[in-house]
Amino acid sequence: MQAADRELDVKGLACPLPILRTKKALAEMVSGQLLRVVATDAHAAKDFQAFARQTGNELLSTVEDNATFEFIFKRK
């Protein structure tokens, strides 16, 4: 997988802050760019799947490692 164009650290934040910060970051990016988001919210995986469906931004991958989640989004 290619490197992300931008990274966002939302560790320690609870819903809805990870989603709101991700939405803001994606809005500042151009179509096709990749955003890597690192989160610790236990509900993040479910929340980001719903976010991707609702916004049309593609969730390319979700990786969980030791209660830390990494998400790769592709800007629509």
PDB file of N, CA and C in Angstrom:
ATOM      1  N   MET A   1       0.852  -1.196   0.000  1.00  0.00           N
ATOM      2  CA  MET A   1       0.000   0.000   0.000  1.00  0.00           C
ATOM      3  C   MET A   1       0.887   1.246   0.000  1.00  0.00           C
ATOM      4  N   GLN A   2       0.459   2.227  -0.752  1.00  0.00           N
ATOM      5  CA  GLN A   2       1.259   3.455  -0.824  1.00  0.00           C
ATOM      6  C   GLN A   2       1.149   4.243   0.485  1.00  0.00           C
ATOM      7  N   ALA A   3       2.107   5.094   0.701  1.00  0.00           N
ATOM      8  CA  ALA A   3       2.130   5.900   1.923  1.00  0.00           C
ATOM      9  C   ALA A   3       0.969   6.889   1.927  1.00  0.00           C
ATOM     10  N   ALA A   4       0.479   7.176   3.128  1.00  0.00           N
ATOM     11  CA  ALA A   4      -0.612   8.137   3.271  1.00  0.00           C
ATOM     12  C   ALA A   4      -0.104   9.543   2.971  1.00  0.00           C
ATOM     13  N   ASP A   5      -0.992  10.353   2.405  1.00  0.00           N
ATOM     14  CA  ASP A   5      -0.661  11.744   2.122  1.00  0.00           C
ATOM     15  C   ASP A   5      -0.704  12.587   3.388  1.00  0.00           C
ATOM     16  N   ARG A   6      -1.490  12.116   4.355  1.00  0.00           N
ATOM     17  CA  ARG A   6      -1.652  12.860   5.604  1.00  0.00           C
ATOM     18  C   ARG A   6      -1.930  11.873   6.724  1.00  0.00           C
ATOM     19  N   GLU A   7      -1.521  12.222   7.939  1.00  0.00           N
ATOM     20  CA  GLU A   7      -1.766  11.370   9.094  1.00  0.00           C
ATOM     21  C   GLU A   7      -2.521  12.146  10.155  1.00  0.00           C
ATOM     22  N   LEU A   8      -3.393  11.445  10.860  1.00  0.00           N
ATOM     23  CA  LEU A   8      -4.210  12.065  11.899  1.00  0.00           C
ATOM     24  C   LEU A   8      -4.180  11.167  13.130  1.00  0.00           C
ATOM     25  N   ASP A   9      -3.762  11.722  14.252  1.00  0.00           N
ATOM     26  CA  ASP A   9      -3.691  10.990  15.513  1.00  0.00           C
ATOM     27  C   ASP A   9      -4.857  11.421  16.392  1.00  0.00           C
ATOM     28  N   VAL A  10      -5.808  10.508  16.603  1.00  0.00           N
ATOM     29  CA  VAL A  10      -6.950  10.804  17.464  1.00  0.00           C
ATOM     30  C   VAL A  10      -6.982   9.848  18.660  1.00  0.00           C
ATOM     31  N   LYS A  11      -5.795   9.349  19.033  1.00  0.00           N
ATOM     32  CA  LYS A  11      -5.708   8.449  20.188  1.00  0.00           C
ATOM     33  C   LYS A  11      -6.153   9.196  21.446  1.00  0.00           C
ATOM     34  N   GLY A  12      -6.901   8.489  22.281  1.00  0.00           N
ATOM     35  CA  GLY A  12      -7.361   9.059  23.537  1.00  0.00           C
ATOM     36  C   GLY A  12      -8.659   9.845  23.426  1.00  0.00           C
ATOM     37  N   LEU A  13      -9.132  10.050  22.214  1.00  0.00           N
ATOM     38  CA  LEU A  13     -10.382  10.790  22.019  1.00  0.00           C
ATOM     39  C   LEU A  13     -11.542   9.819  21.866  1.00  0.00           C
ATOM     40  N   ALA A  14     -12.697  10.205  22.399  1.00  0.00           N
ATOM     41  CA  ALA A  14     -13.897   9.374  22.301  1.00  0.00           C
ATOM     42  C   ALA A  14     -14.855   9.971  21.280  1.00  0.00           C
ATOM     43  N   CYS A  15     -15.735   9.122  20.784  1.00  0.00           N
ATOM     44  CA  CYS A  15     -16.741   9.542  19.815  1.00  0.00           C
ATOM     45  C   CYS A  15     -17.513  10.738  20.384  1.00  0.00           C
ATOM     46  N   PRO A  16     -17.796  11.749  19.613  1.00  0.00           N
ATOM     47  CA  PRO A  16     -17.664  11.833  18.159  1.00  0.00           C
ATOM     48  C   PRO A  16     -16.370  12.497  17.669  1.00  0.00           C
ATOM     49  N   LEU A  17     -15.441  12.821  18.551  1.00  0.00           N
ATOM     50  CA  LEU A  17     -14.258  13.589  18.137  1.00  0.00           C
ATOM     51  C   LEU A  17     -13.421  12.923  17.040  1.00  0.00           C
ATOM     52  N   PRO A  18     -13.145  11.610  17.094  1.00  0.00           N
ATOM     53  CA  PRO A  18     -12.365  11.023  15.993  1.00  0.00           C
ATOM     54  C   PRO A  18     -13.038  11.199  14.629  1.00  0.00           C
ATOM     55  N   ILE A  19     -14.343  11.035  14.600  1.00  0.00           N
ATOM     56  CA  ILE A  19     -15.082  11.199  13.335  1.00  0.00           C
ATOM     57  C   ILE A  19     -15.038  12.649  12.881  1.00  0.00           C
ATOM     58  N   LEU A  20     -15.277  13.579  13.786  1.00  0.00           N
ATOM     59  CA  LEU A  20     -15.289  14.999  13.416  1.00  0.00           C
ATOM     60  C   LEU A  20     -13.924  15.449  12.901  1.00  0.00           C
ATOM     61  N   ARG A  21     -12.856  15.016  13.551  1.00  0.00           N
ATOM     62  CA  ARG A  21     -11.504  15.411  13.109  1.00  0.00           C
ATOM     63  C   ARG A  21     -11.148  14.756  11.780  1.00  0.00           C
ATOM     64  N   THR A  22     -11.602  13.522  11.580  1.00  0.00           N
ATOM     65  CA  THR A  22     -11.359  12.833  10.306  1.00  0.00           C
ATOM     66  C   THR A  22     -12.111  13.535   9.182  1.00  0.00           C
ATOM     67  N   LYS A  23     -13.350  13.904   9.449  1.00  0.00           N
ATOM     68  CA  LYS A  23     -14.157  14.605   8.445  1.00  0.00           C
ATOM     69  C   LYS A  23     -13.480  15.921   8.046  1.00  0.00           C
ATOM     70  N   LYS A  24     -12.982  16.653   9.022  1.00  0.00           N
ATOM     71  CA  LYS A  24     -12.310  17.927   8.758  1.00  0.00           C
ATOM     72  C   LYS A  24     -11.035  17.714   7.938  1.00  0.00           C
ATOM     73  N   ALA A  25     -10.248  16.704   8.324  1.00  0.00           N
ATOM     74  CA  ALA A  25      -9.003  16.430   7.605  1.00  0.00           C
ATOM     75  C   ALA A  25      -9.278  16.040   6.157  1.00  0.00           C
ATOM     76  N   LEU A  26     -10.272  15.180   5.937  1.00  0.00           N
ATOM     77  CA  LEU A  26     -10.600  14.758   4.572  1.00  0.00           C
ATOM     78  C   LEU A  26     -11.098  15.935   3.735  1.00  0.00           C
ATOM     79  N   ALA A  27     -11.820  16.852   4.360  1.00  0.00           N
ATOM     80  CA  ALA A  27     -12.344  18.016   3.639  1.00  0.00           C
ATOM     81  C   ALA A  27     -11.211  18.907   3.128  1.00  0.00           C
ATOM     82  N   GLU A  28     -10.063  18.859   3.798  1.00  0.00           N
ATOM     83  CA  GLU A  28      -8.920  19.690   3.402  1.00  0.00           C
ATOM     84  C   GLU A  28      -8.036  19.002   2.360  1.00  0.00           C
ATOM     85  N   MET A  29      -8.393  17.778   1.990  1.00  0.00           N
ATOM     86  CA  MET A  29      -7.579  17.010   1.050  1.00  0.00           C
ATOM     87  C   MET A  29      -8.229  16.991  -0.328  1.00  0.00           C
ATOM     88  N   VAL A  30      -7.466  16.572  -1.326  1.00  0.00           N
ATOM     89  CA  VAL A  30      -8.018  16.481  -2.682  1.00  0.00           C
ATOM     90  C   VAL A  30      -8.398  15.038  -2.984  1.00  0.00           C
ATOM     91  N   SER A  31      -9.278  14.867  -3.944  1.00  0.00           N
ATOM     92  CA  SER A  31      -9.773  13.551  -4.327  1.00  0.00           C
ATOM     93  C   SER A  31      -8.628  12.593  -4.641  1.00  0.00           C
ATOM     94  N   GLY A  32      -8.725  11.383  -4.071  1.00  0.00           N
ATOM     95  CA  GLY A  32      -7.729  10.363  -4.329  1.00  0.00           C
ATOM     96  C   GLY A  32      -6.613  10.294  -3.309  1.00  0.00           C
ATOM     97  N   GLN A  33      -6.482  11.331  -2.477  1.00  0.00           N
ATOM     98  CA  GLN A  33      -5.427  11.307  -1.461  1.00  0.00           C
ATOM     99  C   GLN A  33      -5.793  10.330  -0.342  1.00  0.00           C
ATOM    100  N   LEU A  34      -4.752   9.834   0.344  1.00  0.00           N
ATOM    101  CA  LEU A  34      -4.946   8.877   1.423  1.00  0.00           C
ATOM    102  C   LEU A  34      -4.703   9.527   2.784  1.00  0.00           C
ATOM    103  N   LEU A  35      -5.588   9.200   3.728  1.00  0.00           N
ATOM    104  CA  LEU A  35      -5.482   9.686   5.100  1.00  0.00           C
ATOM    105  C   LEU A  35      -5.340   8.488   6.026  1.00  0.00           C
ATOM    106  N   ARG A  36      -4.297   8.495   6.847  1.00  0.00           N
ATOM    107  CA  ARG A  36      -4.087   7.454   7.862  1.00  0.00           C
ATOM    108  C   ARG A  36      -4.549   8.015   9.198  1.00  0.00           C
ATOM    109  N   VAL A  37      -5.475   7.299   9.835  1.00  0.00           N
ATOM    110  CA  VAL A  37      -6.017   7.721  11.130  1.00  0.00           C
ATOM    111  C   VAL A  37      -5.655   6.664  12.173  1.00  0.00           C
ATOM    112  N   VAL A  38      -5.111   7.110  13.304  1.00  0.00           N
ATOM    113  CA  VAL A  38      -4.786   6.207  14.408  1.00  0.00           C
ATOM    114  C   VAL A  38      -5.684   6.584  15.589  1.00  0.00           C
ATOM    115  N   ALA A  39      -6.419   5.586  16.093  1.00  0.00           N
ATOM    116  CA  ALA A  39      -7.396   5.834  17.154  1.00  0.00           C
ATOM    117  C   ALA A  39      -7.319   4.745  18.221  1.00  0.00           C
ATOM    118  N   THR A  40      -7.849   5.058  19.406  1.00  0.00           N
ATOM    119  CA  THR A  40      -7.916   4.072  20.485  1.00  0.00           C
ATOM    120  C   THR A  40      -9.351   3.840  20.962  1.00  0.00           C
ATOM    121  N   ASP A  41     -10.301   4.563  20.432  1.00  0.00           N
ATOM    122  CA  ASP A  41     -11.705   4.406  20.812  1.00  0.00           C
ATOM    123  C   ASP A  41     -12.169   2.999  20.412  1.00  0.00           C
ATOM    124  N   ALA A  42     -12.700   2.246  21.370  1.00  0.00           N
ATOM    125  CA  ALA A  42     -13.131   0.865  21.116  1.00  0.00           C
ATOM    126  C   ALA A  42     -14.213   0.774  20.044  1.00  0.00           C
ATOM    127  N   HIS A  43     -14.970   1.835  19.859  1.00  0.00           N
ATOM    128  CA  HIS A  43     -16.047   1.833  18.861  1.00  0.00           C
ATOM    129  C   HIS A  43     -15.593   2.382  17.510  1.00  0.00           C
ATOM    130  N   ALA A  44     -14.336   2.723  17.402  1.00  0.00           N
ATOM    131  CA  ALA A  44     -13.838   3.398  16.199  1.00  0.00           C
ATOM    132  C   ALA A  44     -14.079   2.590  14.926  1.00  0.00           C
ATOM    133  N   ALA A  45     -13.843   1.292  14.963  1.00  0.00           N
ATOM    134  CA  ALA A  45     -13.985   0.480  13.752  1.00  0.00           C
ATOM    135  C   ALA A  45     -15.413   0.566  13.208  1.00  0.00           C
ATOM    136  N   LYS A  46     -16.373   0.388  14.077  1.00  0.00           N
ATOM    137  CA  LYS A  46     -17.781   0.457  13.677  1.00  0.00           C
ATOM    138  C   LYS A  46     -18.146   1.880  13.217  1.00  0.00           C
ATOM    139  N   ASP A  47     -17.696   2.863  13.969  1.00  0.00           N
ATOM    140  CA  ASP A  47     -17.999   4.260  13.641  1.00  0.00           C
ATOM    141  C   ASP A  47     -17.422   4.656  12.288  1.00  0.00           C
ATOM    142  N   PHE A  48     -16.167   4.261  12.019  1.00  0.00           N
ATOM    143  CA  PHE A  48     -15.537   4.657  10.760  1.00  0.00           C
ATOM    144  C   PHE A  48     -16.129   3.919   9.567  1.00  0.00           C
ATOM    145  N   GLN A  49     -16.610   2.685   9.756  1.00  0.00           N
ATOM    146  CA  GLN A  49     -17.290   1.985   8.665  1.00  0.00           C
ATOM    147  C   GLN A  49     -18.560   2.729   8.280  1.00  0.00           C
ATOM    148  N   ALA A  50     -19.324   3.146   9.275  1.00  0.00           N
ATOM    149  CA  ALA A  50     -20.552   3.903   9.018  1.00  0.00           C
ATOM    150  C   ALA A  50     -20.221   5.255   8.383  1.00  0.00           C
ATOM    151  N   PHE A  51     -19.175   5.898   8.877  1.00  0.00           N
ATOM    152  CA  PHE A  51     -18.745   7.190   8.329  1.00  0.00           C
ATOM    153  C   PHE A  51     -18.410   7.057   6.840  1.00  0.00           C
ATOM    154  N   ALA A  52     -17.694   6.013   6.477  1.00  0.00           N
ATOM    155  CA  ALA A  52     -17.309   5.801   5.085  1.00  0.00           C
ATOM    156  C   ALA A  52     -18.550   5.604   4.210  1.00  0.00           C
ATOM    157  N   ARG A  53     -19.495   4.806   4.679  1.00  0.00           N
ATOM    158  CA  ARG A  53     -20.740   4.588   3.916  1.00  0.00           C
ATOM    159  C   ARG A  53     -21.506   5.896   3.725  1.00  0.00           C
ATOM    160  N   GLN A  54     -21.577   6.702   4.761  1.00  0.00           N
ATOM    161  CA  GLN A  54     -22.375   7.927   4.718  1.00  0.00           C
ATOM    162  C   GLN A  54     -21.731   9.034   3.887  1.00  0.00           C
ATOM    163  N   THR A  55     -20.397   9.079   3.866  1.00  0.00           N
ATOM    164  CA  THR A  55     -19.713  10.191   3.198  1.00  0.00           C
ATOM    165  C   THR A  55     -19.205   9.851   1.806  1.00  0.00           C
ATOM    166  N   GLY A  56     -19.084   8.557   1.487  1.00  0.00           N
ATOM    167  CA  GLY A  56     -18.560   8.165   0.188  1.00  0.00           C
ATOM    168  C   GLY A  56     -17.043   8.101   0.137  1.00  0.00           C
ATOM    169  N   ASN A  57     -16.374   8.472   1.223  1.00  0.00           N
ATOM    170  CA  ASN A  57     -14.921   8.295   1.296  1.00  0.00           C
ATOM    171  C   ASN A  57     -14.662   6.807   1.529  1.00  0.00           C
ATOM    172  N   GLU A  58     -13.671   6.263   0.824  1.00  0.00           N
ATOM    173  CA  GLU A  58     -13.439   4.825   0.873  1.00  0.00           C
ATOM    174  C   GLU A  58     -12.536   4.438   2.043  1.00  0.00           C
ATOM    175  N   LEU A  59     -12.996   3.476   2.839  1.00  0.00           N
ATOM    176  CA  LEU A  59     -12.190   2.936   3.928  1.00  0.00           C
ATOM    177  C   LEU A  59     -11.409   1.760   3.344  1.00  0.00           C
ATOM    178  N   LEU A  60     -10.124   1.992   3.077  1.00  0.00           N
ATOM    179  CA  LEU A  60      -9.300   0.985   2.403  1.00  0.00           C
ATOM    180  C   LEU A  60      -8.837  -0.118   3.330  1.00  0.00           C
ATOM    181  N   SER A  61      -8.536   0.218   4.577  1.00  0.00           N
ATOM    182  CA  SER A  61      -8.081  -0.818   5.505  1.00  0.00           C
ATOM    183  C   SER A  61      -8.330  -0.419   6.946  1.00  0.00           C
ATOM    184  N   THR A  62      -8.478  -1.458   7.764  1.00  0.00           N
ATOM    185  CA  THR A  62      -8.629  -1.304   9.202  1.00  0.00           C
ATOM    186  C   THR A  62      -7.713  -2.335   9.847  1.00  0.00           C
ATOM    187  N   VAL A  63      -6.827  -1.886  10.709  1.00  0.00           N
ATOM    188  CA  VAL A  63      -5.916  -2.793  11.399  1.00  0.00           C
ATOM    189  C   VAL A  63      -5.992  -2.499  12.887  1.00  0.00           C
ATOM    190  N   GLU A  64      -6.170  -3.560  13.687  1.00  0.00           N
ATOM    191  CA  GLU A  64      -6.170  -3.399  15.143  1.00  0.00           C
ATOM    192  C   GLU A  64      -4.900  -4.034  15.696  1.00  0.00           C
ATOM    193  N   ASP A  65      -4.218  -3.289  16.540  1.00  0.00           N
ATOM    194  CA  ASP A  65      -3.006  -3.804  17.160  1.00  0.00           C
ATOM    195  C   ASP A  65      -2.941  -3.304  18.598  1.00  0.00           C
ATOM    196  N   ASN A  66      -3.155  -4.209  19.549  1.00  0.00           N
ATOM    197  CA  ASN A  66      -3.023  -3.836  20.953  1.00  0.00           C
ATOM    198  C   ASN A  66      -3.952  -2.696  21.363  1.00  0.00           C
ATOM    199  N   ALA A  67      -5.215  -2.770  20.989  1.00  0.00           N
ATOM    200  CA  ALA A  67      -6.230  -1.754  21.315  1.00  0.00           C
ATOM    201  C   ALA A  67      -5.990  -0.423  20.619  1.00  0.00           C
ATOM    202  N   THR A  68      -5.107  -0.405  19.639  1.00  0.00           N
ATOM    203  CA  THR A  68      -4.923   0.774  18.794  1.00  0.00           C
ATOM    204  C   THR A  68      -5.375   0.394  17.390  1.00  0.00           C
ATOM    205  N   PHE A  69      -6.146   1.276  16.789  1.00  0.00           N
ATOM    206  CA  PHE A  69      -6.680   1.019  15.464  1.00  0.00           C
ATOM    207  C   PHE A  69      -6.033   1.940  14.446  1.00  0.00           C
ATOM    208  N   GLU A  70      -5.788   1.404  13.259  1.00  0.00           N
ATOM    209  CA  GLU A  70      -5.269   2.221  12.162  1.00  0.00           C
ATOM    210  C   GLU A  70      -6.238   2.094  10.992  1.00  0.00           C
ATOM    211  N   PHE A  71      -6.653   3.220  10.468  1.00  0.00           N
ATOM    212  CA  PHE A  71      -7.582   3.248   9.344  1.00  0.00           C
ATOM    213  C   PHE A  71      -6.936   4.009   8.193  1.00  0.00           C
ATOM    214  N   ILE A  72      -7.144   3.524   6.986  1.00  0.00           N
ATOM    215  CA  ILE A  72      -6.690   4.239   5.803  1.00  0.00           C
ATOM    216  C   ILE A  72      -7.927   4.609   4.988  1.00  0.00           C
ATOM    217  N   PHE A  73      -8.129   5.900   4.812  1.00  0.00           N
ATOM    218  CA  PHE A  73      -9.235   6.412   4.005  1.00  0.00           C
ATOM    219  C   PHE A  73      -8.714   6.957   2.694  1.00  0.00           C
ATOM    220  N   LYS A  74      -9.498   6.786   1.640  1.00  0.00           N
ATOM    221  CA  LYS A  74      -9.214   7.409   0.356  1.00  0.00           C
ATOM    222  C   LYS A  74     -10.266   8.477   0.133  1.00  0.00           C
ATOM    223  N   ARG A  75      -9.821   9.711  -0.046  1.00  0.00           N
ATOM    224  CA  ARG A  75     -10.730  10.850  -0.236  1.00  0.00           C
ATOM    225  C   ARG A  75     -11.513  10.664  -1.527  1.00  0.00           C
ATOM    226  N   LYS A  76     -12.821  10.847  -1.439  1.00  0.00           N
ATOM    227  CA  LYS A  76     -13.667  10.687  -2.636  1.00  0.00           C
ATOM    228  C   LYS A  76     -13.437  11.785  -3.647  1.00  0.00           C
TER     229      LYS A  76
END
